[in-house]
PDB file of all heavy atoms in Angstrom:
ATOM      1  N   LYS A   1       0.072   9.772  -1.475  1.00  0.00           N
ATOM      2  CA  LYS A   1       0.395  10.958  -2.273  1.00  0.00           C
ATOM      3  C   LYS A   1      -0.884  11.591  -2.813  1.00  0.00           C
ATOM      4  O   LYS A   1      -1.770  10.907  -3.320  1.00  0.00           O
ATOM      5  CB  LYS A   1       1.327  10.571  -3.412  1.00  0.00           C
ATOM      6  CG  LYS A   1       2.028  11.746  -4.077  1.00  0.00           C
ATOM      7  CD  LYS A   1       3.212  11.279  -4.892  1.00  0.00           C
ATOM      8  CE  LYS A   1       4.329  10.753  -4.018  1.00  0.00           C
ATOM      9  NZ  LYS A   1       5.539  10.368  -4.772  1.00  0.00           N
ATOM     10  N   GLY A   2      -0.963  12.918  -2.673  1.00  0.00           N
ATOM     11  CA  GLY A   2      -2.132  13.643  -3.121  1.00  0.00           C
ATOM     12  C   GLY A   2      -3.259  13.659  -2.105  1.00  0.00           C
ATOM     13  O   GLY A   2      -4.270  14.337  -2.304  1.00  0.00           O
ATOM     14  N   ARG A   3      -3.092  12.911  -1.007  1.00  0.00           N
ATOM     15  CA  ARG A   3      -4.151  12.848   0.006  1.00  0.00           C
ATOM     16  C   ARG A   3      -3.675  13.330   1.367  1.00  0.00           C
ATOM     17  O   ARG A   3      -4.459  13.913   2.122  1.00  0.00           O
ATOM     18  CB  ARG A   3      -4.664  11.412   0.126  1.00  0.00           C
ATOM     19  CG  ARG A   3      -5.240  10.850  -1.161  1.00  0.00           C
ATOM     20  CD  ARG A   3      -5.906   9.492  -0.939  1.00  0.00           C
ATOM     21  NE  ARG A   3      -4.982   8.479  -0.464  1.00  0.00           N
ATOM     22  CZ  ARG A   3      -5.098   7.847   0.708  1.00  0.00           C
ATOM     23  NH1 ARG A   3      -6.095   8.146   1.529  1.00  0.00           N
ATOM     24  NH2 ARG A   3      -4.218   6.917   1.058  1.00  0.00           N
ATOM     25  N   PHE A   4      -2.420  13.105   1.710  1.00  0.00           N
ATOM     26  CA  PHE A   4      -1.882  13.480   3.015  1.00  0.00           C
ATOM     27  C   PHE A   4      -0.894  14.630   2.858  1.00  0.00           C
ATOM     28  O   PHE A   4      -0.093  14.646   1.915  1.00  0.00           O
ATOM     29  CB  PHE A   4      -1.153  12.309   3.671  1.00  0.00           C
ATOM     30  CG  PHE A   4      -2.037  11.195   4.156  1.00  0.00           C
ATOM     31  CD1 PHE A   4      -3.358  11.091   3.786  1.00  0.00           C
ATOM     32  CD2 PHE A   4      -1.510  10.229   5.010  1.00  0.00           C
ATOM     33  CE1 PHE A   4      -4.162  10.052   4.237  1.00  0.00           C
ATOM     34  CE2 PHE A   4      -2.292   9.177   5.477  1.00  0.00           C
ATOM     35  CZ  PHE A   4      -3.620   9.095   5.087  1.00  0.00           C
ATOM     36  N   THR A   5      -0.925  15.562   3.806  1.00  0.00           N
ATOM     37  CA  THR A   5       0.002  16.690   3.820  1.00  0.00           C
ATOM     38  C   THR A   5       0.574  16.859   5.224  1.00  0.00           C
ATOM     39  O   THR A   5      -0.182  16.956   6.189  1.00  0.00           O
ATOM     40  CB  THR A   5      -0.695  17.986   3.398  1.00  0.00           C
ATOM     41  OG1 THR A   5      -1.289  17.814   2.111  1.00  0.00           O
ATOM     42  CG2 THR A   5       0.306  19.134   3.343  1.00  0.00           C
ATOM     43  N   ILE A   6       1.888  16.905   5.313  1.00  0.00           N
ATOM     44  CA  ILE A   6       2.550  17.112   6.604  1.00  0.00           C
ATOM     45  C   ILE A   6       2.996  18.568   6.711  1.00  0.00           C
ATOM     46  O   ILE A   6       3.408  19.179   5.727  1.00  0.00           O
ATOM     47  CB  ILE A   6       3.752  16.156   6.763  1.00  0.00           C
ATOM     48  CG1 ILE A   6       4.360  16.263   8.154  1.00  0.00           C
ATOM     49  CG2 ILE A   6       4.795  16.385   5.676  1.00  0.00           C
ATOM     50  CD1 ILE A   6       5.436  15.212   8.433  1.00  0.00           C
ATOM     51  N   SER A   7       2.891  19.105   7.917  1.00  0.00           N
ATOM     52  CA  SER A   7       3.343  20.475   8.153  1.00  0.00           C
ATOM     53  C   SER A   7       3.784  20.599   9.608  1.00  0.00           C
ATOM     54  O   SER A   7       3.551  19.712  10.419  1.00  0.00           O
ATOM     55  CB  SER A   7       2.239  21.481   7.829  1.00  0.00           C
ATOM     56  OG  SER A   7       1.113  21.275   8.675  1.00  0.00           O
ATOM     57  N   ARG A   8       4.430  21.726   9.897  1.00  0.00           N
ATOM     58  CA  ARG A   8       4.944  21.925  11.243  1.00  0.00           C
ATOM     59  C   ARG A   8       4.792  23.371  11.659  1.00  0.00           C
ATOM     60  O   ARG A   8       4.838  24.266  10.827  1.00  0.00           O
ATOM     61  CB  ARG A   8       6.413  21.513  11.326  1.00  0.00           C
ATOM     62  CG  ARG A   8       7.329  22.308  10.401  1.00  0.00           C
ATOM     63  CD  ARG A   8       8.667  21.600  10.173  1.00  0.00           C
ATOM     64  NE  ARG A   8       9.435  21.479  11.385  1.00  0.00           N
ATOM     65  CZ  ARG A   8      10.474  20.657  11.519  1.00  0.00           C
ATOM     66  NH1 ARG A   8      10.842  19.889  10.509  1.00  0.00           N
ATOM     67  NH2 ARG A   8      11.140  20.587  12.657  1.00  0.00           N
ATOM     68  N   ASP A   9       4.598  23.606  12.947  1.00  0.00           N
ATOM     69  CA  ASP A   9       4.586  24.947  13.513  1.00  0.00           C
ATOM     70  C   ASP A   9       5.541  24.909  14.699  1.00  0.00           C
ATOM     71  O   ASP A   9       5.172  24.494  15.803  1.00  0.00           O
ATOM     72  CB  ASP A   9       3.169  25.330  13.956  1.00  0.00           C
ATOM     73  CG  ASP A   9       3.076  26.770  14.442  1.00  0.00           C
ATOM     74  OD1 ASP A   9       4.111  27.321  14.901  1.00  0.00           O
ATOM     75  OD2 ASP A   9       1.985  27.336  14.369  1.00  0.00           O
ATOM     76  N   ASN A  10       6.778  25.320  14.459  1.00  0.00           N
ATOM     77  CA  ASN A  10       7.796  25.215  15.499  1.00  0.00           C
ATOM     78  C   ASN A  10       7.460  26.064  16.720  1.00  0.00           C
ATOM     79  O   ASN A  10       7.769  25.685  17.845  1.00  0.00           O
ATOM     80  CB  ASN A  10       9.163  25.600  14.940  1.00  0.00           C
ATOM     81  CG  ASN A  10       9.722  24.530  14.021  1.00  0.00           C
ATOM     82  OD1 ASN A  10       8.999  23.667  13.532  1.00  0.00           O
ATOM     83  ND2 ASN A  10      11.022  24.600  13.765  1.00  0.00           N
ATOM     84  N   ALA A  11       6.835  27.208  16.500  1.00  0.00           N
ATOM     85  CA  ALA A  11       6.502  28.082  17.628  1.00  0.00           C
ATOM     86  C   ALA A  11       5.532  27.390  18.574  1.00  0.00           C
ATOM     87  O   ALA A  11       5.577  27.604  19.797  1.00  0.00           O
ATOM     88  CB  ALA A  11       5.908  29.383  17.120  1.00  0.00           C
ATOM     89  N   LYS A  12       4.664  26.567  18.009  1.00  0.00           N
ATOM     90  CA  LYS A  12       3.700  25.835  18.827  1.00  0.00           C
ATOM     91  C   LYS A  12       4.194  24.441  19.181  1.00  0.00           C
ATOM     92  O   LYS A  12       3.478  23.670  19.823  1.00  0.00           O
ATOM     93  CB  LYS A  12       2.355  25.731  18.099  1.00  0.00           C
ATOM     94  CG  LYS A  12       1.670  27.060  17.872  1.00  0.00           C
ATOM     95  CD  LYS A  12       0.314  26.867  17.197  1.00  0.00           C
ATOM     96  CE  LYS A  12      -0.394  28.200  17.014  1.00  0.00           C
ATOM     97  NZ  LYS A  12      -1.712  28.040  16.341  1.00  0.00           N
ATOM     98  N   LYS A  13       5.415  24.114  18.726  1.00  0.00           N
ATOM     99  CA  LYS A  13       5.993  22.779  18.965  1.00  0.00           C
ATOM    100  C   LYS A  13       5.040  21.692  18.500  1.00  0.00           C
ATOM    101  O   LYS A  13       4.868  20.670  19.168  1.00  0.00           O
ATOM    102  CB  LYS A  13       6.350  22.602  20.444  1.00  0.00           C
ATOM    103  CG  LYS A  13       7.413  23.562  20.949  1.00  0.00           C
ATOM    104  CD  LYS A  13       7.770  23.309  22.402  1.00  0.00           C
ATOM    105  CE  LYS A  13       6.656  23.718  23.328  1.00  0.00           C
ATOM    106  NZ  LYS A  13       7.040  23.574  24.757  1.00  0.00           N
ATOM    107  N   THR A  14       4.425  21.907  17.345  1.00  0.00           N
ATOM    108  CA  THR A  14       3.382  21.005  16.872  1.00  0.00           C
ATOM    109  C   THR A  14       3.632  20.575  15.435  1.00  0.00           C
ATOM    110  O   THR A  14       3.965  21.397  14.585  1.00  0.00           O
ATOM    111  CB  THR A  14       1.999  21.667  16.982  1.00  0.00           C
ATOM    112  OG1 THR A  14       1.770  22.063  18.339  1.00  0.00           O
ATOM    113  CG2 THR A  14       0.910  20.701  16.553  1.00  0.00           C
ATOM    114  N   LEU A  15       3.441  19.289  15.205  1.00  0.00           N
ATOM    115  CA  LEU A  15       3.509  18.686  13.885  1.00  0.00           C
ATOM    116  C   LEU A  15       2.090  18.288  13.485  1.00  0.00           C
ATOM    117  O   LEU A  15       1.319  17.823  14.326  1.00  0.00           O
ATOM    118  CB  LEU A  15       4.415  17.459  13.926  1.00  0.00           C
ATOM    119  CG  LEU A  15       4.747  16.756  12.627  1.00  0.00           C
ATOM    120  CD1 LEU A  15       5.715  17.596  11.804  1.00  0.00           C
ATOM    121  CD2 LEU A  15       5.353  15.385  12.915  1.00  0.00           C
ATOM    122  N   TYR A  16       1.757  18.468  12.201  1.00  0.00           N
ATOM    123  CA  TYR A  16       0.414  18.168  11.731  1.00  0.00           C
ATOM    124  C   TYR A  16       0.446  17.161  10.584  1.00  0.00           C
ATOM    125  O   TYR A  16       1.421  17.067   9.844  1.00  0.00           O
ATOM    126  CB  TYR A  16      -0.284  19.438  11.241  1.00  0.00           C
ATOM    127  CG  TYR A  16      -0.416  20.521  12.268  1.00  0.00           C
ATOM    128  CD1 TYR A  16       0.474  21.604  12.278  1.00  0.00           C
ATOM    129  CD2 TYR A  16      -1.427  20.489  13.224  1.00  0.00           C
ATOM    130  CE1 TYR A  16       0.356  22.613  13.222  1.00  0.00           C
ATOM    131  CE2 TYR A  16      -1.553  21.493  14.170  1.00  0.00           C
ATOM    132  CZ  TYR A  16      -0.660  22.555  14.163  1.00  0.00           C
ATOM    133  OH  TYR A  16      -0.787  23.548  15.104  1.00  0.00           O
ATOM    134  N   LEU A  17      -0.663  16.442  10.445  1.00  0.00           N
ATOM    135  CA  LEU A  17      -0.872  15.598   9.271  1.00  0.00           C
ATOM    136  C   LEU A  17      -2.315  15.786   8.827  1.00  0.00           C
ATOM    137  O   LEU A  17      -3.248  15.351   9.507  1.00  0.00           O
ATOM    138  CB  LEU A  17      -0.599  14.128   9.567  1.00  0.00           C
ATOM    139  CG  LEU A  17      -0.672  13.203   8.352  1.00  0.00           C
ATOM    140  CD1 LEU A  17       0.476  13.509   7.375  1.00  0.00           C
ATOM    141  CD2 LEU A  17      -0.625  11.733   8.759  1.00  0.00           C
ATOM    142  N   GLN A  18      -2.488  16.478   7.710  1.00  0.00           N
ATOM    143  CA  GLN A  18      -3.812  16.658   7.133  1.00  0.00           C
ATOM    144  C   GLN A  18      -4.089  15.487   6.210  1.00  0.00           C
ATOM    145  O   GLN A  18      -3.297  15.215   5.296  1.00  0.00           O
ATOM    146  CB  GLN A  18      -3.887  17.973   6.370  1.00  0.00           C
ATOM    147  CG  GLN A  18      -5.232  18.228   5.707  1.00  0.00           C
ATOM    148  CD  GLN A  18      -6.336  18.475   6.712  1.00  0.00           C
ATOM    149  OE1 GLN A  18      -6.205  19.317   7.594  1.00  0.00           O
ATOM    150  NE2 GLN A  18      -7.436  17.741   6.590  1.00  0.00           N
ATOM    151  N   MET A  19      -5.200  14.818   6.429  1.00  0.00           N
ATOM    152  CA  MET A  19      -5.542  13.635   5.640  1.00  0.00           C
ATOM    153  C   MET A  19      -6.906  13.841   5.002  1.00  0.00           C
ATOM    154  O   MET A  19      -7.880  14.125   5.698  1.00  0.00           O
ATOM    155  CB  MET A  19      -5.559  12.393   6.532  1.00  0.00           C
ATOM    156  CG  MET A  19      -4.274  12.188   7.337  1.00  0.00           C
ATOM    157  SD  MET A  19      -4.253  10.635   8.254  1.00  0.00           S
ATOM    158  CE  MET A  19      -5.569  10.937   9.415  1.00  0.00           C
ATOM    159  N   ILE A  20      -6.968  13.692   3.694  1.00  0.00           N
ATOM    160  CA  ILE A  20      -8.230  13.753   2.971  1.00  0.00           C
ATOM    161  C   ILE A  20      -8.377  12.479   2.153  1.00  0.00           C
ATOM    162  O   ILE A  20      -7.404  11.742   1.977  1.00  0.00           O
ATOM    163  CB  ILE A  20      -8.314  14.998   2.069  1.00  0.00           C
ATOM    164  CG1 ILE A  20      -7.261  14.925   0.965  1.00  0.00           C
ATOM    165  CG2 ILE A  20      -8.153  16.279   2.886  1.00  0.00           C
ATOM    166  CD1 ILE A  20      -7.400  16.028  -0.084  1.00  0.00           C
ATOM    167  N   GLY A  21      -9.571  12.246   1.638  1.00  0.00           N
ATOM    168  CA  GLY A  21      -9.788  11.063   0.818  1.00  0.00           C
ATOM    169  C   GLY A  21      -9.393   9.772   1.510  1.00  0.00           C
ATOM    170  O   GLY A  21      -8.801   8.889   0.889  1.00  0.00           O
ATOM    171  N   LEU A  22      -9.719   9.661   2.783  1.00  0.00           N
ATOM    172  CA  LEU A  22      -9.283   8.502   3.554  1.00  0.00           C
ATOM    173  C   LEU A  22      -9.878   7.201   3.030  1.00  0.00           C
ATOM    174  O   LEU A  22     -11.021   7.169   2.575  1.00  0.00           O
ATOM    175  CB  LEU A  22      -9.629   8.690   5.024  1.00  0.00           C
ATOM    176  CG  LEU A  22      -8.692   9.652   5.769  1.00  0.00           C
ATOM    177  CD1 LEU A  22      -9.316  10.151   7.060  1.00  0.00           C
ATOM    178  CD2 LEU A  22      -7.363   8.982   6.045  1.00  0.00           C
ATOM    179  N   LYS A  23      -9.071   6.151   3.097  1.00  0.00           N
ATOM    180  CA  LYS A  23      -9.450   4.828   2.626  1.00  0.00           C
ATOM    181  C   LYS A  23      -9.383   3.830   3.797  1.00  0.00           C
ATOM    182  O   LYS A  23      -8.634   4.054   4.745  1.00  0.00           O
ATOM    183  CB  LYS A  23      -8.496   4.373   1.524  1.00  0.00           C
ATOM    184  CG  LYS A  23      -8.405   5.321   0.345  1.00  0.00           C
ATOM    185  CD  LYS A  23      -7.361   4.836  -0.654  1.00  0.00           C
ATOM    186  CE  LYS A  23      -7.244   5.780  -1.841  1.00  0.00           C
ATOM    187  NZ  LYS A  23      -6.228   5.315  -2.821  1.00  0.00           N
ATOM    188  N   PRO A  24     -10.108   2.737   3.718  1.00  0.00           N
ATOM    189  CA  PRO A  24     -10.039   1.741   4.799  1.00  0.00           C
ATOM    190  C   PRO A  24      -8.608   1.282   5.089  1.00  0.00           C
ATOM    191  O   PRO A  24      -8.275   1.032   6.255  1.00  0.00           O
ATOM    192  CB  PRO A  24     -10.902   0.600   4.250  1.00  0.00           C
ATOM    193  CG  PRO A  24     -11.910   1.282   3.389  1.00  0.00           C
ATOM    194  CD  PRO A  24     -11.153   2.401   2.737  1.00  0.00           C
ATOM    195  N   GLU A  25      -7.765   1.213   4.082  1.00  0.00           N
ATOM    196  CA  GLU A  25      -6.388   0.773   4.298  1.00  0.00           C
ATOM    197  C   GLU A  25      -5.530   1.807   5.014  1.00  0.00           C
ATOM    198  O   GLU A  25      -4.389   1.518   5.376  1.00  0.00           O
ATOM    199  CB  GLU A  25      -5.720   0.389   2.966  1.00  0.00           C
ATOM    200  CG  GLU A  25      -5.818   1.433   1.872  1.00  0.00           C
ATOM    201  CD  GLU A  25      -6.973   1.167   0.916  1.00  0.00           C
ATOM    202  OE1 GLU A  25      -8.071   0.783   1.389  1.00  0.00           O
ATOM    203  OE2 GLU A  25      -6.775   1.373  -0.293  1.00  0.00           O
ATOM    204  N   ASP A  26      -6.071   3.007   5.234  1.00  0.00           N
ATOM    205  CA  ASP A  26      -5.364   4.005   6.045  1.00  0.00           C
ATOM    206  C   ASP A  26      -5.588   3.784   7.543  1.00  0.00           C
ATOM    207  O   ASP A  26      -4.956   4.450   8.366  1.00  0.00           O
ATOM    208  CB  ASP A  26      -5.837   5.415   5.683  1.00  0.00           C
ATOM    209  CG  ASP A  26      -5.480   5.817   4.273  1.00  0.00           C
ATOM    210  OD1 ASP A  26      -4.362   5.492   3.819  1.00  0.00           O
ATOM    211  OD2 ASP A  26      -6.320   6.459   3.613  1.00  0.00           O
ATOM    212  N   SER A  27      -6.479   2.874   7.888  1.00  0.00           N
ATOM    213  CA  SER A  27      -6.763   2.606   9.296  1.00  0.00           C
ATOM    214  C   SER A  27      -5.505   2.097   9.986  1.00  0.00           C
ATOM    215  O   SER A  27      -4.869   1.145   9.526  1.00  0.00           O
ATOM    216  CB  SER A  27      -7.874   1.566   9.416  1.00  0.00           C
ATOM    217  OG  SER A  27      -9.086   2.056   8.887  1.00  0.00           O
ATOM    218  N   ALA A  28      -5.158   2.735  11.093  1.00  0.00           N
ATOM    219  CA  ALA A  28      -3.937   2.396  11.826  1.00  0.00           C
ATOM    220  C   ALA A  28      -3.832   3.313  13.032  1.00  0.00           C
ATOM    221  O   ALA A  28      -4.608   4.258  13.168  1.00  0.00           O
ATOM    222  CB  ALA A  28      -2.705   2.565  10.940  1.00  0.00           C
ATOM    223  N   VAL A  29      -2.853   3.043  13.874  1.00  0.00           N
ATOM    224  CA  VAL A  29      -2.474   3.991  14.918  1.00  0.00           C
ATOM    225  C   VAL A  29      -1.370   4.856  14.338  1.00  0.00           C
ATOM    226  O   VAL A  29      -0.375   4.335  13.819  1.00  0.00           O
ATOM    227  CB  VAL A  29      -2.004   3.292  16.205  1.00  0.00           C
ATOM    228  CG1 VAL A  29      -1.626   4.335  17.258  1.00  0.00           C
ATOM    229  CG2 VAL A  29      -3.093   2.369  16.735  1.00  0.00           C
TER     230      VAL A  29
END
């Protein structure tokens, strides 16, 4: 919370995840 933002662009059939303030525990697939 406060670091990740999800958004979508249906026209482009694309989902986004903006991530800031990344931490080592965010490491993943």
